């Protein structure tokens, strides 16, 4: 579900609406899964993916077991192995599906018409706000992907493709505002800034919190500090003052 966030004038994801979005990407659209030949088989595949995602969100990937997945999906162990070689292949499919869902959310947030008359700082704030909300809402799911990607090159490549597409979205919005960016190389700066933001958010999903200055930051503080860091690095505030 999407909702309006009045203080930035942009649509962002409702952090409470996880379950209804679980099967946004149809199974046949996933590269990591062979396309089901029958509608019934496709439905079973979606149920397996939905069940696994719900279990990860509720309890984390460490507690995920194939018997629990098939029980929750109303399937069988044989049905699971007919579609996946094991949990690693299942996680690749879940990551690909989640990436598609996150991209759709960010596309709504970064719709150019929404930001046509907005300054660069507001654009940065809106994008960071959406990322913080999504990473918090999907913490256990993203944690499973991040940890698995350390040993799975395909999952790592999927994450890299997502970052590249995020970078393109940000560049599309801020590329026409070069006069507001004091950094001598805006293209490099935008990519680097995205690395910084995603690095902090990955720490958040792995450890469950961001601790700075001797205290745990809430999500509003994380967003505010990231926006300060990014705008200072890009030189946005420096231009605004002059």
C-alpha atoms as a PDB file:
ATOM      1  CA  UNK A   1       0.000   0.000   0.000  1.00  0.00           C
ATOM      2  CA  UNK A   2       1.145   3.539  -0.756  1.00  0.00           C
ATOM      3  CA  UNK A   3       0.276   6.599   1.259  1.00  0.00           C
ATOM      4  CA  UNK A   4       0.853  10.323   0.962  1.00  0.00           C
ATOM      5  CA  UNK A   5       3.558  11.784   3.143  1.00  0.00           C
ATOM      6  CA  UNK A   6       2.470  15.390   3.548  1.00  0.00           C
ATOM      7  CA  UNK A   7       5.704  16.810   4.884  1.00  0.00           C
ATOM      8  CA  UNK A   8       7.612  15.976   1.723  1.00  0.00           C
ATOM      9  CA  UNK A   9       4.681  15.867  -0.697  1.00  0.00           C
ATOM     10  CA  UNK A  10       5.519  12.392  -2.001  1.00  0.00           C
ATOM     11  CA  UNK A  11       3.997   8.927  -2.001  1.00  0.00           C
ATOM     12  CA  UNK A  12       5.825   6.464   0.243  1.00  0.00           C
ATOM     13  CA  UNK A  13       5.254   2.864   1.266  1.00  0.00           C
ATOM     14  CA  UNK A  14       3.019   2.149   4.231  1.00  0.00           C
ATOM     15  CA  UNK A  15       5.250   0.177   6.593  1.00  0.00           C
ATOM     16  CA  UNK A  16       2.273  -1.796   7.886  1.00  0.00           C
ATOM     17  CA  UNK A  17       1.300  -3.277   4.525  1.00  0.00           C
ATOM     18  CA  UNK A  18       3.820  -6.076   4.057  1.00  0.00           C
ATOM     19  CA  UNK A  19       1.697  -9.164   3.638  1.00  0.00           C
ATOM     20  CA  UNK A  20      -0.547  -7.861   0.876  1.00  0.00           C
ATOM     21  CA  UNK A  21       2.486  -6.914  -1.227  1.00  0.00           C
ATOM     22  CA  UNK A  22       4.243 -10.267  -0.882  1.00  0.00           C
ATOM     23  CA  UNK A  23       3.234 -11.625  -4.277  1.00  0.00           C
ATOM     24  CA  UNK A  24       3.350  -8.399  -6.319  1.00  0.00           C
ATOM     25  CA  UNK A  25       5.754  -9.901  -8.871  1.00  0.00           C
ATOM     26  CA  UNK A  26       4.140 -12.884 -10.612  1.00  0.00           C
ATOM     27  CA  UNK A  27       6.190 -16.072 -10.470  1.00  0.00           C
ATOM     28  CA  UNK A  28       6.481 -16.378 -14.237  1.00  0.00           C
ATOM     29  CA  UNK A  29       8.325 -13.036 -14.384  1.00  0.00           C
ATOM     30  CA  UNK A  30      11.218 -14.276 -12.227  1.00  0.00           C
ATOM     31  CA  UNK A  31      14.452 -15.107 -14.023  1.00  0.00           C
ATOM     32  CA  UNK A  32      15.617 -17.328 -11.173  1.00  0.00           C
ATOM     33  CA  UNK A  33      12.672 -19.736 -11.454  1.00  0.00           C
ATOM     34  CA  UNK A  34      11.645 -21.834 -14.436  1.00  0.00           C
ATOM     35  CA  UNK A  35       8.310 -20.612 -15.762  1.00  0.00           C
ATOM     36  CA  UNK A  36       5.479 -22.866 -14.547  1.00  0.00           C
ATOM     37  CA  UNK A  37       3.742 -24.695 -17.373  1.00  0.00           C
ATOM     38  CA  UNK A  38       0.330 -24.762 -15.708  1.00  0.00           C
ATOM     39  CA  UNK A  39      -1.662 -22.203 -13.759  1.00  0.00           C
ATOM     40  CA  UNK A  40      -1.954 -24.613 -10.826  1.00  0.00           C
ATOM     41  CA  UNK A  41       1.824 -25.022 -10.704  1.00  0.00           C
ATOM     42  CA  UNK A  42       2.252 -21.258 -10.783  1.00  0.00           C
ATOM     43  CA  UNK A  43      -0.139 -20.887  -7.860  1.00  0.00           C
ATOM     44  CA  UNK A  44       1.833 -23.455  -5.862  1.00  0.00           C
ATOM     45  CA  UNK A  45       5.063 -21.618  -6.615  1.00  0.00           C
ATOM     46  CA  UNK A  46       3.587 -18.331  -5.425  1.00  0.00           C
ATOM     47  CA  UNK A  47       2.294 -19.980  -2.253  1.00  0.00           C
ATOM     48  CA  UNK A  48       5.770 -21.373  -1.510  1.00  0.00           C
ATOM     49  CA  UNK A  49       7.355 -17.954  -2.050  1.00  0.00           C
ATOM     50  CA  UNK A  50       4.715 -16.201   0.043  1.00  0.00           C
ATOM     51  CA  UNK A  51       5.042 -18.713   2.868  1.00  0.00           C
ATOM     52  CA  UNK A  52       8.845 -18.494   2.930  1.00  0.00           C
ATOM     53  CA  UNK A  53       8.767 -14.697   2.890  1.00  0.00           C
ATOM     54  CA  UNK A  54       6.237 -14.544   5.730  1.00  0.00           C
ATOM     55  CA  UNK A  55       8.319 -16.928   7.860  1.00  0.00           C
ATOM     56  CA  UNK A  56      11.494 -14.914   7.258  1.00  0.00           C
ATOM     57  CA  UNK A  57       9.749 -11.641   8.093  1.00  0.00           C
ATOM     58  CA  UNK A  58       8.282 -13.078  11.284  1.00  0.00           C
ATOM     59  CA  UNK A  59      11.258 -15.061  12.589  1.00  0.00           C
ATOM     60  CA  UNK A  60      14.325 -14.469  10.425  1.00  0.00           C
ATOM     61  CA  UNK A  61      16.087 -16.679   7.899  1.00  0.00           C
ATOM     62  CA  UNK A  62      17.936 -18.673  10.571  1.00  0.00           C
ATOM     63  CA  UNK A  63      14.672 -20.326  11.644  1.00  0.00           C
ATOM     64  CA  UNK A  64      13.551 -21.074   8.089  1.00  0.00           C
ATOM     65  CA  UNK A  65      13.021 -24.756   7.312  1.00  0.00           C
ATOM     66  CA  UNK A  66      11.655 -26.477   4.232  1.00  0.00           C
ATOM     67  CA  UNK A  67       9.080 -28.548   6.176  1.00  0.00           C
ATOM     68  CA  UNK A  68       7.650 -25.359   7.707  1.00  0.00           C
ATOM     69  CA  UNK A  69       7.554 -23.641   4.320  1.00  0.00           C
ATOM     70  CA  UNK A  70       5.618 -26.443   2.642  1.00  0.00           C
ATOM     71  CA  UNK A  71       3.242 -26.767   5.594  1.00  0.00           C
ATOM     72  CA  UNK A  72       2.463 -23.048   5.530  1.00  0.00           C
ATOM     73  CA  UNK A  73       2.056 -23.170   1.739  1.00  0.00           C
ATOM     74  CA  UNK A  74      -0.190 -26.220   1.770  1.00  0.00           C
ATOM     75  CA  UNK A  75       2.295 -28.048  -0.441  1.00  0.00           C
ATOM     76  CA  UNK A  76       4.743 -30.929   0.007  1.00  0.00           C
ATOM     77  CA  UNK A  77       8.488 -31.441   0.265  1.00  0.00           C
ATOM     78  CA  UNK A  78       8.367 -33.046  -3.175  1.00  0.00           C
ATOM     79  CA  UNK A  79       6.510 -30.020  -4.510  1.00  0.00           C
ATOM     80  CA  UNK A  80       9.195 -27.753  -3.062  1.00  0.00           C
ATOM     81  CA  UNK A  81      12.086 -29.661  -4.666  1.00  0.00           C
ATOM     82  CA  UNK A  82      10.241 -29.779  -7.971  1.00  0.00           C
ATOM     83  CA  UNK A  83      10.686 -26.000  -8.068  1.00  0.00           C
ATOM     84  CA  UNK A  84      13.844 -25.288  -6.047  1.00  0.00           C
ATOM     85  CA  UNK A  85      17.077 -27.181  -5.535  1.00  0.00           C
ATOM     86  CA  UNK A  86      17.190 -25.927  -1.948  1.00  0.00           C
ATOM     87  CA  UNK A  87      16.882 -22.882   0.287  1.00  0.00           C
ATOM     88  CA  UNK A  88      19.612 -20.974  -1.589  1.00  0.00           C
ATOM     89  CA  UNK A  89      17.643 -21.122  -4.830  1.00  0.00           C
ATOM     90  CA  UNK A  90      14.486 -20.152  -2.965  1.00  0.00           C
ATOM     91  CA  UNK A  91      16.267 -17.111  -1.498  1.00  0.00           C
ATOM     92  CA  UNK A  92      17.401 -16.035  -4.973  1.00  0.00           C
ATOM     93  CA  UNK A  93      13.794 -16.104  -6.171  1.00  0.00           C
ATOM     94  CA  UNK A  94      12.635 -14.192  -3.100  1.00  0.00           C
ATOM     95  CA  UNK A  95      15.337 -11.575  -3.592  1.00  0.00           C
ATOM     96  CA  UNK A  96      14.440 -11.094  -7.236  1.00  0.00           C
ATOM     97  CA  UNK A  97      10.772 -10.722  -6.369  1.00  0.00           C
ATOM     98  CA  UNK A  98      11.523  -8.297  -3.538  1.00  0.00           C
ATOM     99  CA  UNK A  99      13.786  -6.205  -5.784  1.00  0.00           C
ATOM    100  CA  UNK A 100      10.944  -5.868  -8.282  1.00  0.00           C
ATOM    101  CA  UNK A 101       8.601  -4.752  -5.520  1.00  0.00           C
ATOM    102  CA  UNK A 102      11.091  -2.259  -4.090  1.00  0.00           C
ATOM    103  CA  UNK A 103      11.771  -0.829  -7.542  1.00  0.00           C
ATOM    104  CA  UNK A 104       8.049  -0.274  -8.068  1.00  0.00           C
ATOM    105  CA  UNK A 105       7.826   1.546  -4.734  1.00  0.00           C
ATOM    106  CA  UNK A 106      10.823   3.724  -5.528  1.00  0.00           C
ATOM    107  CA  UNK A 107       9.492   4.467  -9.009  1.00  0.00           C
ATOM    108  CA  UNK A 108       6.354   5.862  -7.343  1.00  0.00           C
ATOM    109  CA  UNK A 109       8.503   7.920  -4.982  1.00  0.00           C
ATOM    110  CA  UNK A 110      10.747   9.231  -7.757  1.00  0.00           C
ATOM    111  CA  UNK A 111       8.022  10.048 -10.285  1.00  0.00           C
ATOM    112  CA  UNK A 112       9.537  13.137 -11.987  1.00  0.00           C
ATOM    113  CA  UNK A 113       6.249  15.036 -12.142  1.00  0.00           C
ATOM    114  CA  UNK A 114       6.008  14.943  -8.323  1.00  0.00           C
ATOM    115  CA  UNK A 115       9.372  16.672  -7.999  1.00  0.00           C
ATOM    116  CA  UNK A 116       9.220  19.069 -10.935  1.00  0.00           C
ATOM    117  CA  UNK A 117       9.245  22.202  -8.761  1.00  0.00           C
ATOM    118  CA  UNK A 118      11.093  20.784  -5.729  1.00  0.00           C
ATOM    119  CA  UNK A 119      14.650  21.737  -4.722  1.00  0.00           C
ATOM    120  CA  UNK A 120      17.412  19.143  -4.624  1.00  0.00           C
ATOM    121  CA  UNK A 121      17.394  18.910  -0.826  1.00  0.00           C
ATOM    122  CA  UNK A 122      13.715  17.892  -0.752  1.00  0.00           C
ATOM    123  CA  UNK A 123      14.369  15.251  -3.394  1.00  0.00           C
ATOM    124  CA  UNK A 124      17.192  13.774  -1.322  1.00  0.00           C
ATOM    125  CA  UNK A 125      14.975  13.803   1.763  1.00  0.00           C
ATOM    126  CA  UNK A 126      12.083  12.074   0.002  1.00  0.00           C
ATOM    127  CA  UNK A 127      14.276   9.354  -1.494  1.00  0.00           C
ATOM    128  CA  UNK A 128      16.116   8.667   1.777  1.00  0.00           C
ATOM    129  CA  UNK A 129      12.830   8.668   3.699  1.00  0.00           C
ATOM    130  CA  UNK A 130      11.411   6.000   1.381  1.00  0.00           C
ATOM    131  CA  UNK A 131      14.555   3.856   1.665  1.00  0.00           C
ATOM    132  CA  UNK A 132      14.666   4.016   5.462  1.00  0.00           C
ATOM    133  CA  UNK A 133      10.972   3.040   5.675  1.00  0.00           C
ATOM    134  CA  UNK A 134      11.384   0.143   3.255  1.00  0.00           C
ATOM    135  CA  UNK A 135      14.543  -1.213   4.854  1.00  0.00           C
ATOM    136  CA  UNK A 136      12.949  -1.048   8.297  1.00  0.00           C
ATOM    137  CA  UNK A 137       9.737  -2.697   7.173  1.00  0.00           C
ATOM    138  CA  UNK A 138      11.596  -5.478   5.351  1.00  0.00           C
ATOM    139  CA  UNK A 139      14.482  -5.768   7.798  1.00  0.00           C
ATOM    140  CA  UNK A 140      14.496  -9.575   8.250  1.00  0.00           C
ATOM    141  CA  UNK A 141      14.000 -10.164   4.539  1.00  0.00           C
ATOM    142  CA  UNK A 142      16.815  -7.824   3.473  1.00  0.00           C
ATOM    143  CA  UNK A 143      19.042  -9.232   6.225  1.00  0.00           C
ATOM    144  CA  UNK A 144      18.589 -12.702   4.706  1.00  0.00           C
ATOM    145  CA  UNK A 145      19.610 -11.372   1.284  1.00  0.00           C
ATOM    146  CA  UNK A 146      22.626  -9.428   2.549  1.00  0.00           C
ATOM    147  CA  UNK A 147      24.005 -12.345   4.547  1.00  0.00           C
ATOM    148  CA  UNK A 148      23.377 -14.870   1.770  1.00  0.00           C
ATOM    149  CA  UNK A 149      24.966 -12.625  -0.865  1.00  0.00           C
ATOM    150  CA  UNK A 150      28.335 -12.988   0.881  1.00  0.00           C
ATOM    151  CA  UNK A 151      28.491 -16.579  -0.388  1.00  0.00           C
ATOM    152  CA  UNK A 152      26.157 -16.398  -3.399  1.00  0.00           C
ATOM    153  CA  UNK A 153      27.435 -14.397  -6.361  1.00  0.00           C
ATOM    154  CA  UNK A 154      24.069 -14.358  -8.125  1.00  0.00           C
ATOM    155  CA  UNK A 155      22.386 -12.770  -5.123  1.00  0.00           C
ATOM    156  CA  UNK A 156      25.250 -10.263  -4.935  1.00  0.00           C
ATOM    157  CA  UNK A 157      24.760  -9.427  -8.634  1.00  0.00           C
ATOM    158  CA  UNK A 158      21.025  -8.906  -8.086  1.00  0.00           C
ATOM    159  CA  UNK A 159      21.835  -6.458  -5.300  1.00  0.00           C
ATOM    160  CA  UNK A 160      24.283  -4.649  -7.538  1.00  0.00           C
ATOM    161  CA  UNK A 161      21.688  -4.373 -10.308  1.00  0.00           C
ATOM    162  CA  UNK A 162      19.258  -2.852  -7.821  1.00  0.00           C
ATOM    163  CA  UNK A 163      21.828  -0.284  -6.696  1.00  0.00           C
ATOM    164  CA  UNK A 164      22.554   0.632 -10.314  1.00  0.00           C
ATOM    165  CA  UNK A 165      18.870   1.181 -11.031  1.00  0.00           C
ATOM    166  CA  UNK A 166      18.493   3.249  -7.860  1.00  0.00           C
ATOM    167  CA  UNK A 167      21.438   5.351  -9.005  1.00  0.00           C
ATOM    168  CA  UNK A 168      19.746   5.931 -12.346  1.00  0.00           C
ATOM    169  CA  UNK A 169      16.525   7.008 -10.623  1.00  0.00           C
ATOM    170  CA  UNK A 170      18.374   9.502  -8.427  1.00  0.00           C
ATOM    171  CA  UNK A 171      20.410  10.787 -11.366  1.00  0.00           C
ATOM    172  CA  UNK A 172      17.207  11.311 -13.364  1.00  0.00           C
ATOM    173  CA  UNK A 173      15.791  13.487 -10.604  1.00  0.00           C
ATOM    174  CA  UNK A 174      18.921  15.412  -9.657  1.00  0.00           C
ATOM    175  CA  UNK A 175      20.681  15.465 -13.031  1.00  0.00           C
ATOM    176  CA  UNK A 176      18.763  18.566 -14.081  1.00  0.00           C
ATOM    177  CA  UNK A 177      19.705  20.360 -10.880  1.00  0.00           C
ATOM    178  CA  UNK A 178      23.448  20.545 -11.380  1.00  0.00           C
ATOM    179  CA  UNK A 179      23.336  24.230 -10.461  1.00  0.00           C
ATOM    180  CA  UNK A 180      22.252  23.215  -6.941  1.00  0.00           C
ATOM    181  CA  UNK A 181      25.162  20.771  -6.489  1.00  0.00           C
ATOM    182  CA  UNK A 182      28.571  22.188  -5.624  1.00  0.00           C
ATOM    183  CA  UNK A 183      30.472  18.890  -5.910  1.00  0.00           C
ATOM    184  CA  UNK A 184      32.888  19.095  -8.891  1.00  0.00           C
ATOM    185  CA  UNK A 185      31.760  15.717 -10.260  1.00  0.00           C
ATOM    186  CA  UNK A 186      28.007  15.274  -9.600  1.00  0.00           C
ATOM    187  CA  UNK A 187      27.770  11.887 -11.365  1.00  0.00           C
ATOM    188  CA  UNK A 188      30.457  10.334  -9.173  1.00  0.00           C
ATOM    189  CA  UNK A 189      29.088  12.107  -6.099  1.00  0.00           C
ATOM    190  CA  UNK A 190      25.543  10.759  -6.591  1.00  0.00           C
ATOM    191  CA  UNK A 191      26.796   7.180  -6.912  1.00  0.00           C
ATOM    192  CA  UNK A 192      29.044   7.545  -3.883  1.00  0.00           C
ATOM    193  CA  UNK A 193      26.271   9.118  -1.813  1.00  0.00           C
ATOM    194  CA  UNK A 194      23.991   6.179  -2.613  1.00  0.00           C
ATOM    195  CA  UNK A 195      26.726   3.791  -1.472  1.00  0.00           C
ATOM    196  CA  UNK A 196      26.910   5.663   1.823  1.00  0.00           C
ATOM    197  CA  UNK A 197      23.151   5.566   2.388  1.00  0.00           C
ATOM    198  CA  UNK A 198      22.835   1.877   1.530  1.00  0.00           C
ATOM    199  CA  UNK A 199      25.849   1.041   3.696  1.00  0.00           C
ATOM    200  CA  UNK A 200      24.212   2.610   6.750  1.00  0.00           C
ATOM    201  CA  UNK A 201      20.890   0.900   6.022  1.00  0.00           C
ATOM    202  CA  UNK A 202      22.603  -2.475   5.626  1.00  0.00           C
ATOM    203  CA  UNK A 203      24.117  -1.991   9.066  1.00  0.00           C
ATOM    204  CA  UNK A 204      20.628  -1.260  10.336  1.00  0.00           C
ATOM    205  CA  UNK A 205      19.161  -4.472   8.924  1.00  0.00           C
ATOM    206  CA  UNK A 206      22.084  -6.643  10.058  1.00  0.00           C
ATOM    207  CA  UNK A 207      22.301  -5.347  13.630  1.00  0.00           C
ATOM    208  CA  UNK A 208      18.767  -4.043  14.078  1.00  0.00           C
ATOM    209  CA  UNK A 209      19.828  -0.550  15.051  1.00  0.00           C
ATOM    210  CA  UNK A 210      22.140   2.353  14.350  1.00  0.00           C
ATOM    211  CA  UNK A 211      24.040   3.569  17.396  1.00  0.00           C
ATOM    212  CA  UNK A 212      25.767   6.956  17.202  1.00  0.00           C
ATOM    213  CA  UNK A 213      26.914   9.436  19.801  1.00  0.00           C
ATOM    214  CA  UNK A 214      26.288   6.911  22.560  1.00  0.00           C
ATOM    215  CA  UNK A 215      22.610   6.364  21.770  1.00  0.00           C
ATOM    216  CA  UNK A 216      20.383   4.398  19.413  1.00  0.00           C
ATOM    217  CA  UNK A 217      18.935   6.519  16.609  1.00  0.00           C
ATOM    218  CA  UNK A 218      15.283   6.162  15.710  1.00  0.00           C
ATOM    219  CA  UNK A 219      14.289   6.093  12.040  1.00  0.00           C
ATOM    220  CA  UNK A 220      13.603   9.831  11.856  1.00  0.00           C
ATOM    221  CA  UNK A 221      17.066  10.519  13.253  1.00  0.00           C
ATOM    222  CA  UNK A 222      18.674   8.072  10.831  1.00  0.00           C
ATOM    223  CA  UNK A 223      16.916   9.774   7.928  1.00  0.00           C
ATOM    224  CA  UNK A 224      17.856  13.254   9.144  1.00  0.00           C
ATOM    225  CA  UNK A 225      21.523  12.350   9.595  1.00  0.00           C
ATOM    226  CA  UNK A 226      21.699  10.648   6.204  1.00  0.00           C
ATOM    227  CA  UNK A 227      20.102  13.651   4.515  1.00  0.00           C
ATOM    228  CA  UNK A 228      22.573  15.996   6.261  1.00  0.00           C
ATOM    229  CA  UNK A 229      25.475  13.827   5.200  1.00  0.00           C
ATOM    230  CA  UNK A 230      24.371  13.466   1.595  1.00  0.00           C
ATOM    231  CA  UNK A 231      23.478  17.115   1.060  1.00  0.00           C
ATOM    232  CA  UNK A 232      26.739  18.263   2.673  1.00  0.00           C
ATOM    233  CA  UNK A 233      28.745  15.838   0.522  1.00  0.00           C
ATOM    234  CA  UNK A 234      26.963  16.925  -2.654  1.00  0.00           C
ATOM    235  CA  UNK A 235      27.386  20.542  -1.656  1.00  0.00           C
ATOM    236  CA  UNK A 236      23.661  21.242  -1.925  1.00  0.00           C
ATOM    237  CA  UNK A 237      23.488  23.357   1.238  1.00  0.00           C
ATOM    238  CA  UNK A 238      26.637  25.236   0.228  1.00  0.00           C
ATOM    239  CA  UNK A 239      24.979  26.308  -3.010  1.00  0.00           C
ATOM    240  CA  UNK A 240      21.752  27.244  -1.211  1.00  0.00           C
ATOM    241  CA  UNK A 241      23.638  29.583   1.125  1.00  0.00           C
ATOM    242  CA  UNK A 242      25.457  31.411  -1.659  1.00  0.00           C
END
